[in-house]
Amino acid sequence: MSAAFEEITEQALKLTRQERLALANRLLSEEQDEDALAIEAAWKEEILARVQAIDDGTAVGIPYNEVIRVARDRRAK
């Protein structure tokens, strides 16, 4: 590891337990924020592709009554 990492780690270990937990939470939140943005972007891309397929007439839909029947069957199990 780098010298900076070692120094930061040494300083972090001097923090109180509550401060270390707050630091860990902040670091993890940053990662989760990045993951959330990537997931959101992927979903937007998927939604646009699905809308385009509907507009192009290439999407294969499922009739409403069929969707409801399957949902009821799953719920009954």
N, C-alpha and C. Protein backbone atom coordinates (compact mmCIF):
# COMPACT_ATOMS: atom_id res chain seq x y z
N MET A 1 0.83 -1.18 0.00
CA MET A 1 0.00 0.00 0.00
C MET A 1 0.88 1.24 0.00
N SER A 2 0.29 2.33 -0.41
CA SER A 2 1.04 3.58 -0.48
C SER A 2 1.28 4.14 0.93
N ALA A 3 2.23 5.04 1.00
CA ALA A 3 2.53 5.71 2.27
C ALA A 3 1.33 6.52 2.73
N ALA A 4 0.64 7.14 1.79
CA ALA A 4 -0.54 7.94 2.14
C ALA A 4 -1.61 7.05 2.77
N PHE A 5 -1.82 5.87 2.18
CA PHE A 5 -2.81 4.93 2.73
C PHE A 5 -2.43 4.54 4.15
N GLU A 6 -1.18 4.20 4.35
CA GLU A 6 -0.72 3.79 5.68
C GLU A 6 -0.91 4.92 6.69
N GLU A 7 -0.61 6.15 6.28
CA GLU A 7 -0.76 7.30 7.18
C GLU A 7 -2.23 7.54 7.52
N ILE A 8 -3.07 7.46 6.51
CA ILE A 8 -4.50 7.66 6.74
C ILE A 8 -5.05 6.57 7.64
N THR A 9 -4.62 5.34 7.40
CA THR A 9 -5.07 4.22 8.23
C THR A 9 -4.65 4.42 9.68
N GLU A 10 -3.42 4.82 9.88
CA GLU A 10 -2.90 5.06 11.23
C GLU A 10 -3.72 6.14 11.93
N GLN A 11 -4.03 7.20 11.21
CA GLN A 11 -4.83 8.29 11.78
C GLN A 11 -6.25 7.82 12.07
N ALA A 12 -6.81 7.03 11.16
CA ALA A 12 -8.17 6.55 11.34
C ALA A 12 -8.29 5.66 12.57
N LEU A 13 -7.27 4.86 12.83
CA LEU A 13 -7.30 3.98 13.99
C LEU A 13 -7.22 4.74 15.31
N LYS A 14 -6.82 5.98 15.27
CA LYS A 14 -6.76 6.82 16.46
C LYS A 14 -8.12 7.46 16.77
N LEU A 15 -9.04 7.38 15.82
CA LEU A 15 -10.37 7.96 16.03
C LEU A 15 -11.14 7.14 17.07
N THR A 16 -12.16 7.77 17.65
CA THR A 16 -13.03 7.03 18.55
C THR A 16 -13.82 6.00 17.74
N ARG A 17 -14.39 5.06 18.42
CA ARG A 17 -15.19 4.04 17.74
C ARG A 17 -16.30 4.68 16.91
N GLN A 18 -16.98 5.65 17.49
CA GLN A 18 -18.07 6.33 16.79
C GLN A 18 -17.56 7.05 15.54
N GLU A 19 -16.42 7.69 15.65
CA GLU A 19 -15.84 8.40 14.51
C GLU A 19 -15.42 7.41 13.41
N ARG A 20 -14.84 6.26 13.83
CA ARG A 20 -14.46 5.24 12.83
C ARG A 20 -15.68 4.71 12.10
N LEU A 21 -16.76 4.48 12.83
CA LEU A 21 -18.00 4.00 12.20
C LEU A 21 -18.56 5.04 11.24
N ALA A 22 -18.51 6.30 11.65
CA ALA A 22 -19.00 7.37 10.78
C ALA A 22 -18.14 7.46 9.52
N LEU A 23 -16.83 7.31 9.66
CA LEU A 23 -15.93 7.33 8.51
C LEU A 23 -16.22 6.15 7.58
N ALA A 24 -16.37 4.98 8.16
CA ALA A 24 -16.67 3.79 7.35
C ALA A 24 -17.99 3.96 6.61
N ASN A 25 -18.98 4.50 7.29
CA ASN A 25 -20.27 4.72 6.66
C ASN A 25 -20.15 5.70 5.50
N ARG A 26 -19.39 6.75 5.69
CA ARG A 26 -19.21 7.75 4.62
C ARG A 26 -18.51 7.14 3.41
N LEU A 27 -17.46 6.35 3.67
CA LEU A 27 -16.73 5.72 2.56
C LEU A 27 -17.62 4.73 1.81
N LEU A 28 -18.38 3.95 2.55
CA LEU A 28 -19.29 2.99 1.91
C LEU A 28 -20.40 3.69 1.15
N SER A 29 -20.89 4.81 1.69
CA SER A 29 -21.95 5.56 1.02
C SER A 29 -21.47 6.06 -0.34
N GLU A 30 -20.21 6.49 -0.40
CA GLU A 30 -19.65 6.96 -1.68
C GLU A 30 -19.70 5.84 -2.72
N GLU A 31 -19.32 4.63 -2.31
CA GLU A 31 -19.35 3.48 -3.22
C GLU A 31 -20.77 3.17 -3.66
N GLN A 32 -21.68 3.19 -2.70
CA GLN A 32 -23.07 2.88 -3.01
C GLN A 32 -23.66 3.93 -3.94
N ASP A 33 -23.29 5.19 -3.76
CA ASP A 33 -23.78 6.24 -4.65
C ASP A 33 -23.32 5.99 -6.08
N GLU A 34 -22.05 5.59 -6.24
CA GLU A 34 -21.53 5.29 -7.58
C GLU A 34 -22.25 4.10 -8.18
N ASP A 35 -22.47 3.05 -7.36
CA ASP A 35 -23.19 1.87 -7.84
C ASP A 35 -24.62 2.23 -8.23
N ALA A 36 -25.26 3.05 -7.41
CA ALA A 36 -26.64 3.45 -7.69
C ALA A 36 -26.73 4.21 -9.01
N LEU A 37 -25.77 5.08 -9.26
CA LEU A 37 -25.77 5.83 -10.52
C LEU A 37 -25.59 4.90 -11.71
N ALA A 38 -24.73 3.91 -11.58
CA ALA A 38 -24.51 2.96 -12.67
C ALA A 38 -25.77 2.12 -12.90
N ILE A 39 -26.41 1.71 -11.84
CA ILE A 39 -27.65 0.92 -11.97
C ILE A 39 -28.75 1.76 -12.60
N GLU A 40 -28.87 2.99 -12.15
CA GLU A 40 -29.89 3.89 -12.72
C GLU A 40 -29.66 4.11 -14.21
N ALA A 41 -28.41 4.30 -14.60
CA ALA A 41 -28.09 4.50 -16.01
C ALA A 41 -28.44 3.26 -16.82
N ALA A 42 -28.16 2.09 -16.27
CA ALA A 42 -28.47 0.84 -16.97
C ALA A 42 -29.98 0.68 -17.15
N TRP A 43 -30.75 1.02 -16.12
CA TRP A 43 -32.19 0.93 -16.22
C TRP A 43 -32.75 1.92 -17.24
N LYS A 44 -32.20 3.13 -17.26
CA LYS A 44 -32.66 4.11 -18.25
C LYS A 44 -32.42 3.59 -19.66
N GLU A 45 -31.25 2.97 -19.86
CA GLU A 45 -30.93 2.41 -21.18
C GLU A 45 -31.91 1.29 -21.53
N GLU A 46 -32.21 0.44 -20.57
CA GLU A 46 -33.15 -0.65 -20.79
C GLU A 46 -34.55 -0.12 -21.11
N ILE A 47 -34.98 0.87 -20.38
CA ILE A 47 -36.31 1.46 -20.62
C ILE A 47 -36.39 2.06 -22.01
N LEU A 48 -35.36 2.80 -22.39
CA LEU A 48 -35.35 3.39 -23.74
C LEU A 48 -35.39 2.32 -24.82
N ALA A 49 -34.67 1.23 -24.60
CA ALA A 49 -34.66 0.13 -25.58
C ALA A 49 -36.04 -0.51 -25.67
N ARG A 50 -36.70 -0.67 -24.55
CA ARG A 50 -38.05 -1.27 -24.55
C ARG A 50 -39.06 -0.35 -25.24
N VAL A 51 -38.97 0.95 -24.94
CA VAL A 51 -39.87 1.91 -25.59
C VAL A 51 -39.63 1.90 -27.10
N GLN A 52 -38.36 1.86 -27.50
CA GLN A 52 -38.03 1.83 -28.92
C GLN A 52 -38.60 0.58 -29.58
N ALA A 53 -38.52 -0.56 -28.90
CA ALA A 53 -39.06 -1.81 -29.44
C ALA A 53 -40.58 -1.71 -29.61
N ILE A 54 -41.24 -1.06 -28.67
CA ILE A 54 -42.69 -0.87 -28.78
C ILE A 54 -42.99 0.04 -29.96
N ASP A 55 -42.25 1.14 -30.06
CA ASP A 55 -42.46 2.08 -31.16
C ASP A 55 -42.18 1.43 -32.52
N ASP A 56 -41.17 0.56 -32.57
CA ASP A 56 -40.82 -0.12 -33.83
C ASP A 56 -41.77 -1.26 -34.17
N GLY A 57 -42.55 -1.68 -33.19
CA GLY A 57 -43.45 -2.81 -33.41
C GLY A 57 -42.76 -4.15 -33.27
N THR A 58 -41.57 -4.17 -32.70
CA THR A 58 -40.84 -5.43 -32.55
C THR A 58 -41.00 -6.06 -31.16
N ALA A 59 -41.63 -5.34 -30.24
CA ALA A 59 -41.84 -5.87 -28.89
C ALA A 59 -42.97 -6.88 -28.92
N VAL A 60 -42.80 -7.93 -28.13
CA VAL A 60 -43.84 -8.93 -28.00
C VAL A 60 -44.50 -8.72 -26.65
N GLY A 61 -45.74 -8.31 -26.68
CA GLY A 61 -46.45 -8.03 -25.45
C GLY A 61 -47.18 -9.25 -24.92
N ILE A 62 -47.61 -9.14 -23.69
CA ILE A 62 -48.41 -10.20 -23.06
C ILE A 62 -49.76 -9.57 -22.74
N PRO A 63 -50.83 -10.22 -23.18
CA PRO A 63 -52.16 -9.66 -22.92
C PRO A 63 -52.42 -9.47 -21.42
N TYR A 64 -53.13 -8.43 -21.09
CA TYR A 64 -53.43 -8.07 -19.71
C TYR A 64 -54.00 -9.26 -18.94
N ASN A 65 -54.99 -9.92 -19.52
CA ASN A 65 -55.64 -11.04 -18.83
C ASN A 65 -54.65 -12.15 -18.50
N GLU A 66 -53.68 -12.39 -19.36
CA GLU A 66 -52.67 -13.40 -19.12
C GLU A 66 -51.75 -12.99 -17.96
N VAL A 67 -51.36 -11.73 -17.93
CA VAL A 67 -50.52 -11.23 -16.84
C VAL A 67 -51.23 -11.38 -15.50
N ILE A 68 -52.50 -11.00 -15.46
CA ILE A 68 -53.29 -11.10 -14.23
C ILE A 68 -53.43 -12.56 -13.80
N ARG A 69 -53.69 -13.45 -14.74
CA ARG A 69 -53.84 -14.88 -14.42
C ARG A 69 -52.55 -15.43 -13.82
N VAL A 70 -51.43 -15.13 -14.42
CA VAL A 70 -50.14 -15.61 -13.92
C VAL A 70 -49.87 -15.04 -12.54
N ALA A 71 -50.14 -13.76 -12.34
CA ALA A 71 -49.91 -13.13 -11.04
C ALA A 71 -50.77 -13.78 -9.96
N ARG A 72 -52.02 -14.04 -10.29
CA ARG A 72 -52.93 -14.70 -9.32
C ARG A 72 -52.48 -16.11 -9.01
N ASP A 73 -52.04 -16.82 -10.04
CA ASP A 73 -51.54 -18.19 -9.83
C ASP A 73 -50.31 -18.19 -8.91
N ARG A 74 -49.40 -17.26 -9.13
CA ARG A 74 -48.20 -17.18 -8.28
C ARG A 74 -48.56 -16.81 -6.85
N ARG A 75 -49.49 -15.92 -6.72
CA ARG A 75 -49.90 -15.47 -5.38
C ARG A 75 -50.58 -16.58 -4.60
N ALA A 76 -51.29 -17.45 -5.30
CA ALA A 76 -52.02 -18.55 -4.67
C ALA A 76 -51.09 -19.64 -4.14
N LYS A 77 -49.86 -19.68 -4.64
CA LYS A 77 -48.93 -20.75 -4.23
C LYS A 77 -48.30 -20.48 -2.90
